[in-house]
Amino acid sequence: MSICNNDQKILMEKIAALPPEKVAEVEDYIDFLRLRLEDRRLTQAAMTLSEDAFRNVWDNPDDASYDKL
């Protein structure tokens, strides 16, 4: 995701106008957002990688009757 130059400039001006302790809060929040995004990406990747491994467990004739529930 990229921010166009004007939006980025406005955001930087707003941050620059904050007192130092608030700038630190903004930085912490940005770090939190980035970590949350990375966690979601890792979770999605793990789910995708595990699909083939679990396919035999999920899709088998013995459990077909449960699929109809």
PDB file of N, CA and C in Angstrom:
ATOM      1  N   MET A   1       0.841  -1.168   0.000  1.00  0.00           N
ATOM      2  CA  MET A   1       0.000   0.000   0.000  1.00  0.00           C
ATOM      3  C   MET A   1       0.884   1.227   0.000  1.00  0.00           C
ATOM      4  N   SER A   2       0.665   2.137  -0.913  1.00  0.00           N
ATOM      5  CA  SER A   2       1.471   3.346  -0.945  1.00  0.00           C
ATOM      6  C   SER A   2       0.577   4.566  -0.800  1.00  0.00           C
ATOM      7  N   ILE A   3       1.146   5.584  -0.227  1.00  0.00           N
ATOM      8  CA  ILE A   3       0.434   6.845  -0.036  1.00  0.00           C
ATOM      9  C   ILE A   3       0.939   7.805  -1.104  1.00  0.00           C
ATOM     10  N   CYS A   4       0.011   8.523  -1.754  1.00  0.00           N
ATOM     11  CA  CYS A   4       0.458   9.495  -2.745  1.00  0.00           C
ATOM     12  C   CYS A   4       1.245  10.592  -2.035  1.00  0.00           C
ATOM     13  N   ASN A   5       2.097  11.258  -2.751  1.00  0.00           N
ATOM     14  CA  ASN A   5       3.017  12.234  -2.163  1.00  0.00           C
ATOM     15  C   ASN A   5       2.305  13.309  -1.353  1.00  0.00           C
ATOM     16  N   ASN A   6       1.168  13.817  -1.824  1.00  0.00           N
ATOM     17  CA  ASN A   6       0.460  14.865  -1.096  1.00  0.00           C
ATOM     18  C   ASN A   6      -0.060  14.346   0.240  1.00  0.00           C
ATOM     19  N   ASP A   7      -0.639  13.162   0.251  1.00  0.00           N
ATOM     20  CA  ASP A   7      -1.124  12.574   1.502  1.00  0.00           C
ATOM     21  C   ASP A   7       0.026  12.337   2.469  1.00  0.00           C
ATOM     22  N   GLN A   8       1.126  11.868   1.935  1.00  0.00           N
ATOM     23  CA  GLN A   8       2.305  11.616   2.764  1.00  0.00           C
ATOM     24  C   GLN A   8       2.818  12.927   3.355  1.00  0.00           C
ATOM     25  N   LYS A   9       2.848  13.961   2.561  1.00  0.00           N
ATOM     26  CA  LYS A   9       3.316  15.268   3.035  1.00  0.00           C
ATOM     27  C   LYS A   9       2.404  15.789   4.149  1.00  0.00           C
ATOM     28  N   ILE A  10       1.096  15.691   3.959  1.00  0.00           N
ATOM     29  CA  ILE A  10       0.140  16.149   4.972  1.00  0.00           C
ATOM     30  C   ILE A  10       0.326  15.363   6.265  1.00  0.00           C
ATOM     31  N   LEU A  11       0.474  14.055   6.152  1.00  0.00           N
ATOM     32  CA  LEU A  11       0.671  13.227   7.329  1.00  0.00           C
ATOM     33  C   LEU A  11       1.963  13.601   8.058  1.00  0.00           C
ATOM     34  N   MET A  12       3.026  13.796   7.321  1.00  0.00           N
ATOM     35  CA  MET A  12       4.300  14.185   7.928  1.00  0.00           C
ATOM     36  C   MET A  12       4.200  15.539   8.629  1.00  0.00           C
ATOM     37  N   GLU A  13       3.464  16.474   8.040  1.00  0.00           N
ATOM     38  CA  GLU A  13       3.277  17.787   8.665  1.00  0.00           C
ATOM     39  C   GLU A  13       2.501  17.660   9.973  1.00  0.00           C
ATOM     40  N   LYS A  14       1.485  16.817   9.968  1.00  0.00           N
ATOM     41  CA  LYS A  14       0.702  16.604  11.187  1.00  0.00           C
ATOM     42  C   LYS A  14       1.563  15.976  12.276  1.00  0.00           C
ATOM     43  N   ILE A  15       2.363  15.015  11.914  1.00  0.00           N
ATOM     44  CA  ILE A  15       3.242  14.370  12.891  1.00  0.00           C
ATOM     45  C   ILE A  15       4.268  15.363  13.419  1.00  0.00           C
ATOM     46  N   ALA A  16       4.832  16.162  12.537  1.00  0.00           N
ATOM     47  CA  ALA A  16       5.839  17.142  12.938  1.00  0.00           C
ATOM     48  C   ALA A  16       5.280  18.187  13.903  1.00  0.00           C
ATOM     49  N   ALA A  17       3.976  18.433  13.839  1.00  0.00           N
ATOM     50  CA  ALA A  17       3.355  19.429  14.712  1.00  0.00           C
ATOM     51  C   ALA A  17       3.058  18.886  16.111  1.00  0.00           C
ATOM     52  N   LEU A  18       3.203  17.600  16.300  1.00  0.00           N
ATOM     53  CA  LEU A  18       2.916  16.984  17.596  1.00  0.00           C
ATOM     54  C   LEU A  18       4.088  17.160  18.557  1.00  0.00           C
ATOM     55  N   PRO A  19       3.796  17.173  19.850  1.00  0.00           N
ATOM     56  CA  PRO A  19       4.888  17.165  20.833  1.00  0.00           C
ATOM     57  C   PRO A  19       5.622  15.824  20.779  1.00  0.00           C
ATOM     58  N   PRO A  20       6.877  15.793  21.201  1.00  0.00           N
ATOM     59  CA  PRO A  20       7.691  14.572  21.068  1.00  0.00           C
ATOM     60  C   PRO A  20       7.052  13.316  21.656  1.00  0.00           C
ATOM     61  N   GLU A  21       6.384  13.428  22.797  1.00  0.00           N
ATOM     62  CA  GLU A  21       5.796  12.226  23.402  1.00  0.00           C
ATOM     63  C   GLU A  21       4.652  11.683  22.550  1.00  0.00           C
ATOM     64  N   LYS A  22       3.945  12.568  21.850  1.00  0.00           N
ATOM     65  CA  LYS A  22       2.872  12.109  20.964  1.00  0.00           C
ATOM     66  C   LYS A  22       3.443  11.492  19.692  1.00  0.00           C
ATOM     67  N   VAL A  23       4.574  12.012  19.238  1.00  0.00           N
ATOM     68  CA  VAL A  23       5.242  11.419  18.076  1.00  0.00           C
ATOM     69  C   VAL A  23       5.648   9.983  18.418  1.00  0.00           C
ATOM     70  N   ALA A  24       6.122   9.784  19.639  1.00  0.00           N
ATOM     71  CA  ALA A  24       6.493   8.438  20.081  1.00  0.00           C
ATOM     72  C   ALA A  24       5.268   7.525  20.092  1.00  0.00           C
ATOM     73  N   GLU A  25       4.106   8.046  20.506  1.00  0.00           N
ATOM     74  CA  GLU A  25       2.882   7.256  20.494  1.00  0.00           C
ATOM     75  C   GLU A  25       2.480   6.883  19.071  1.00  0.00           C
ATOM     76  N   VAL A  26       2.613   7.832  18.161  1.00  0.00           N
ATOM     77  CA  VAL A  26       2.293   7.561  16.756  1.00  0.00           C
ATOM     78  C   VAL A  26       3.221   6.479  16.218  1.00  0.00           C
ATOM     79  N   GLU A  27       4.490   6.572  16.554  1.00  0.00           N
ATOM     80  CA  GLU A  27       5.449   5.573  16.091  1.00  0.00           C
ATOM     81  C   GLU A  27       5.113   4.192  16.661  1.00  0.00           C
ATOM     82  N   ASP A  28       4.759   4.152  17.945  1.00  0.00           N
ATOM     83  CA  ASP A  28       4.372   2.879  18.555  1.00  0.00           C
ATOM     84  C   ASP A  28       3.146   2.293  17.861  1.00  0.00           C
ATOM     85  N   TYR A  29       2.183   3.145  17.551  1.00  0.00           N
ATOM     86  CA  TYR A  29       0.966   2.666  16.891  1.00  0.00           C
ATOM     87  C   TYR A  29       1.263   2.147  15.489  1.00  0.00           C
ATOM     88  N   ILE A  30       2.119   2.840  14.775  1.00  0.00           N
ATOM     89  CA  ILE A  30       2.512   2.386  13.438  1.00  0.00           C
ATOM     90  C   ILE A  30       3.204   1.026  13.532  1.00  0.00           C
ATOM     91  N   ASP A  31       4.094   0.877  14.524  1.00  0.00           N
ATOM     92  CA  ASP A  31       4.760  -0.415  14.721  1.00  0.00           C
ATOM     93  C   ASP A  31       3.748  -1.511  15.025  1.00  0.00           C
ATOM     94  N   PHE A  32       2.753  -1.186  15.864  1.00  0.00           N
ATOM     95  CA  PHE A  32       1.697  -2.139  16.187  1.00  0.00           C
ATOM     96  C   PHE A  32       0.944  -2.565  14.925  1.00  0.00           C
ATOM     97  N   LEU A  33       0.573  -1.589  14.097  1.00  0.00           N
ATOM     98  CA  LEU A  33      -0.157  -1.904  12.860  1.00  0.00           C
ATOM     99  C   LEU A  33       0.665  -2.795  11.939  1.00  0.00           C
ATOM    100  N   ARG A  34       1.942  -2.491  11.824  1.00  0.00           N
ATOM    101  CA  ARG A  34       2.811  -3.287  10.960  1.00  0.00           C
ATOM    102  C   ARG A  34       2.952  -4.712  11.481  1.00  0.00           C
ATOM    103  N   LEU A  35       3.106  -4.868  12.798  1.00  0.00           N
ATOM    104  CA  LEU A  35       3.220  -6.205  13.380  1.00  0.00           C
ATOM    105  C   LEU A  35       1.926  -6.994  13.205  1.00  0.00           C
ATOM    106  N   ARG A  36       0.804  -6.317  13.392  1.00  0.00           N
ATOM    107  CA  ARG A  36      -0.486  -6.989  13.222  1.00  0.00           C
ATOM    108  C   ARG A  36      -0.661  -7.460  11.776  1.00  0.00           C
ATOM    109  N   LEU A  37      -0.262  -6.622  10.833  1.00  0.00           N
ATOM    110  CA  LEU A  37      -0.341  -6.995   9.424  1.00  0.00           C
ATOM    111  C   LEU A  37       0.561  -8.190   9.132  1.00  0.00           C
ATOM    112  N   GLU A  38       1.764  -8.164   9.680  1.00  0.00           N
ATOM    113  CA  GLU A  38       2.693  -9.272   9.465  1.00  0.00           C
ATOM    114  C   GLU A  38       2.159 -10.554  10.104  1.00  0.00           C
ATOM    115  N   ASP A  39       1.567 -10.447  11.295  1.00  0.00           N
ATOM    116  CA  ASP A  39       0.974 -11.623  11.939  1.00  0.00           C
ATOM    117  C   ASP A  39      -0.123 -12.215  11.074  1.00  0.00           C
ATOM    118  N   ARG A  40      -0.950 -11.363  10.509  1.00  0.00           N
ATOM    119  CA  ARG A  40      -2.034 -11.857   9.648  1.00  0.00           C
ATOM    120  C   ARG A  40      -1.481 -12.527   8.402  1.00  0.00           C
ATOM    121  N   ARG A  41      -0.429 -11.970   7.853  1.00  0.00           N
ATOM    122  CA  ARG A  41       0.199 -12.592   6.675  1.00  0.00           C
ATOM    123  C   ARG A  41       0.772 -13.964   7.023  1.00  0.00           C
ATOM    124  N   LEU A  42       1.436 -14.050   8.180  1.00  0.00           N
ATOM    125  CA  LEU A  42       2.007 -15.332   8.593  1.00  0.00           C
ATOM    126  C   LEU A  42       0.917 -16.359   8.872  1.00  0.00           C
ATOM    127  N   THR A  43      -0.158 -15.931   9.497  1.00  0.00           N
ATOM    128  CA  THR A  43      -1.271 -16.841   9.757  1.00  0.00           C
ATOM    129  C   THR A  43      -1.870 -17.350   8.463  1.00  0.00           C
ATOM    130  N   GLN A  44      -2.064 -16.450   7.508  1.00  0.00           N
ATOM    131  CA  GLN A  44      -2.627 -16.848   6.217  1.00  0.00           C
ATOM    132  C   GLN A  44      -1.689 -17.808   5.487  1.00  0.00           C
ATOM    133  N   ALA A  45      -0.392 -17.532   5.553  1.00  0.00           N
ATOM    134  CA  ALA A  45       0.580 -18.419   4.901  1.00  0.00           C
ATOM    135  C   ALA A  45       0.579 -19.793   5.546  1.00  0.00           C
ATOM    136  N   ALA A  46       0.504 -19.840   6.868  1.00  0.00           N
ATOM    137  CA  ALA A  46       0.467 -21.126   7.567  1.00  0.00           C
ATOM    138  C   ALA A  46      -0.795 -21.897   7.209  1.00  0.00           C
ATOM    139  N   MET A  47      -1.922 -21.196   7.141  1.00  0.00           N
ATOM    140  CA  MET A  47      -3.168 -21.863   6.764  1.00  0.00           C
ATOM    141  C   MET A  47      -3.073 -22.430   5.354  1.00  0.00           C
ATOM    142  N   THR A  48      -2.528 -21.653   4.451  1.00  0.00           N
ATOM    143  CA  THR A  48      -2.403 -22.107   3.062  1.00  0.00           C
ATOM    144  C   THR A  48      -1.480 -23.319   2.968  1.00  0.00           C
ATOM    145  N   LEU A  49      -0.357 -23.269   3.683  1.00  0.00           N
ATOM    146  CA  LEU A  49       0.583 -24.386   3.643  1.00  0.00           C
ATOM    147  C   LEU A  49       0.015 -25.647   4.289  1.00  0.00           C
ATOM    148  N   SER A  50      -0.840 -25.501   5.273  1.00  0.00           N
ATOM    149  CA  SER A  50      -1.367 -26.674   5.968  1.00  0.00           C
ATOM    150  C   SER A  50      -2.544 -27.326   5.243  1.00  0.00           C
ATOM    151  N   GLU A  51      -3.132 -26.642   4.274  1.00  0.00           N
ATOM    152  CA  GLU A  51      -4.301 -27.199   3.586  1.00  0.00           C
ATOM    153  C   GLU A  51      -4.030 -28.565   2.982  1.00  0.00           C
ATOM    154  N   ASP A  52      -2.925 -28.707   2.271  1.00  0.00           N
ATOM    155  CA  ASP A  52      -2.614 -30.001   1.649  1.00  0.00           C
ATOM    156  C   ASP A  52      -2.378 -31.082   2.700  1.00  0.00           C
ATOM    157  N   ALA A  53      -1.717 -30.701   3.784  1.00  0.00           N
ATOM    158  CA  ALA A  53      -1.435 -31.685   4.833  1.00  0.00           C
ATOM    159  C   ALA A  53      -2.721 -32.181   5.492  1.00  0.00           C
ATOM    160  N   PHE A  54      -3.691 -31.310   5.651  1.00  0.00           N
ATOM    161  CA  PHE A  54      -4.942 -31.701   6.302  1.00  0.00           C
ATOM    162  C   PHE A  54      -6.001 -32.221   5.343  1.00  0.00           C
ATOM    163  N   ARG A  55      -5.777 -32.072   4.062  1.00  0.00           N
ATOM    164  CA  ARG A  55      -6.783 -32.491   3.087  1.00  0.00           C
ATOM    165  C   ARG A  55      -7.163 -33.962   3.267  1.00  0.00           C
ATOM    166  N   ASN A  56      -6.177 -34.831   3.499  1.00  0.00           N
ATOM    167  CA  ASN A  56      -6.471 -36.261   3.681  1.00  0.00           C
ATOM    168  C   ASN A  56      -7.281 -36.514   4.945  1.00  0.00           C
ATOM    169  N   VAL A  57      -7.075 -35.693   5.944  1.00  0.00           N
ATOM    170  CA  VAL A  57      -7.822 -35.834   7.190  1.00  0.00           C
ATOM    171  C   VAL A  57      -9.244 -35.336   7.003  1.00  0.00           C
ATOM    172  N   TRP A  58      -9.394 -34.238   6.310  1.00  0.00           N
ATOM    173  CA  TRP A  58     -10.709 -33.622   6.140  1.00  0.00           C
ATOM    174  C   TRP A  58     -11.558 -34.355   5.100  1.00  0.00           C
ATOM    175  N   ASP A  59     -10.918 -34.775   4.028  1.00  0.00           N
ATOM    176  CA  ASP A  59     -11.657 -35.385   2.916  1.00  0.00           C
ATOM    177  C   ASP A  59     -11.347 -36.876   2.843  1.00  0.00           C
ATOM    178  N   ASN A  60     -12.115 -37.655   3.552  1.00  0.00           N
ATOM    179  CA  ASN A  60     -11.937 -39.091   3.474  1.00  0.00           C
ATOM    180  C   ASN A  60     -13.306 -39.758   3.575  1.00  0.00           C
ATOM    181  N   PRO A  61     -13.417 -40.955   3.009  1.00  0.00           N
ATOM    182  CA  PRO A  61     -14.720 -41.634   2.967  1.00  0.00           C
ATOM    183  C   PRO A  61     -15.299 -41.922   4.351  1.00  0.00           C
ATOM    184  N   ASP A  62     -14.445 -42.176   5.333  1.00  0.00           N
ATOM    185  CA  ASP A  62     -14.936 -42.494   6.671  1.00  0.00           C
ATOM    186  C   ASP A  62     -15.685 -41.330   7.313  1.00  0.00           C
ATOM    187  N   ASP A  63     -15.291 -40.133   6.973  1.00  0.00           N
ATOM    188  CA  ASP A  63     -15.924 -38.948   7.564  1.00  0.00           C
ATOM    189  C   ASP A  63     -16.944 -38.292   6.647  1.00  0.00           C
ATOM    190  N   ALA A  64     -17.245 -38.913   5.533  1.00  0.00           N
ATOM    191  CA  ALA A  64     -18.174 -38.309   4.571  1.00  0.00           C
ATOM    192  C   ALA A  64     -19.549 -38.060   5.177  1.00  0.00           C
ATOM    193  N   SER A  65     -19.966 -38.924   6.078  1.00  0.00           N
ATOM    194  CA  SER A  65     -21.291 -38.730   6.693  1.00  0.00           C
ATOM    195  C   SER A  65     -21.321 -37.455   7.523  1.00  0.00           C
ATOM    196  N   TYR A  66     -20.211 -37.056   8.108  1.00  0.00           N
ATOM    197  CA  TYR A  66     -20.167 -35.823   8.884  1.00  0.00           C
ATOM    198  C   TYR A  66     -20.249 -34.591   7.982  1.00  0.00           C
ATOM    199  N   ASP A  67     -19.819 -34.713   6.757  1.00  0.00           N
ATOM    200  CA  ASP A  67     -19.881 -33.604   5.822  1.00  0.00           C
ATOM    201  C   ASP A  67     -21.319 -33.228   5.493  1.00  0.00           C
ATOM    202  N   LYS A  68     -22.224 -34.188   5.644  1.00  0.00           N
ATOM    203  CA  LYS A  68     -23.634 -33.957   5.311  1.00  0.00           C
ATOM    204  C   LYS A  68     -24.411 -33.259   6.435  1.00  0.00           C
ATOM    205  N   LEU A  69     -23.788 -33.140   7.612  1.00  0.00           N
ATOM    206  CA  LEU A  69     -24.466 -32.535   8.761  1.00  0.00           C
ATOM    207  C   LEU A  69     -24.594 -31.036   8.630  1.00  0.00           C
TER     208      LEU A  69
END
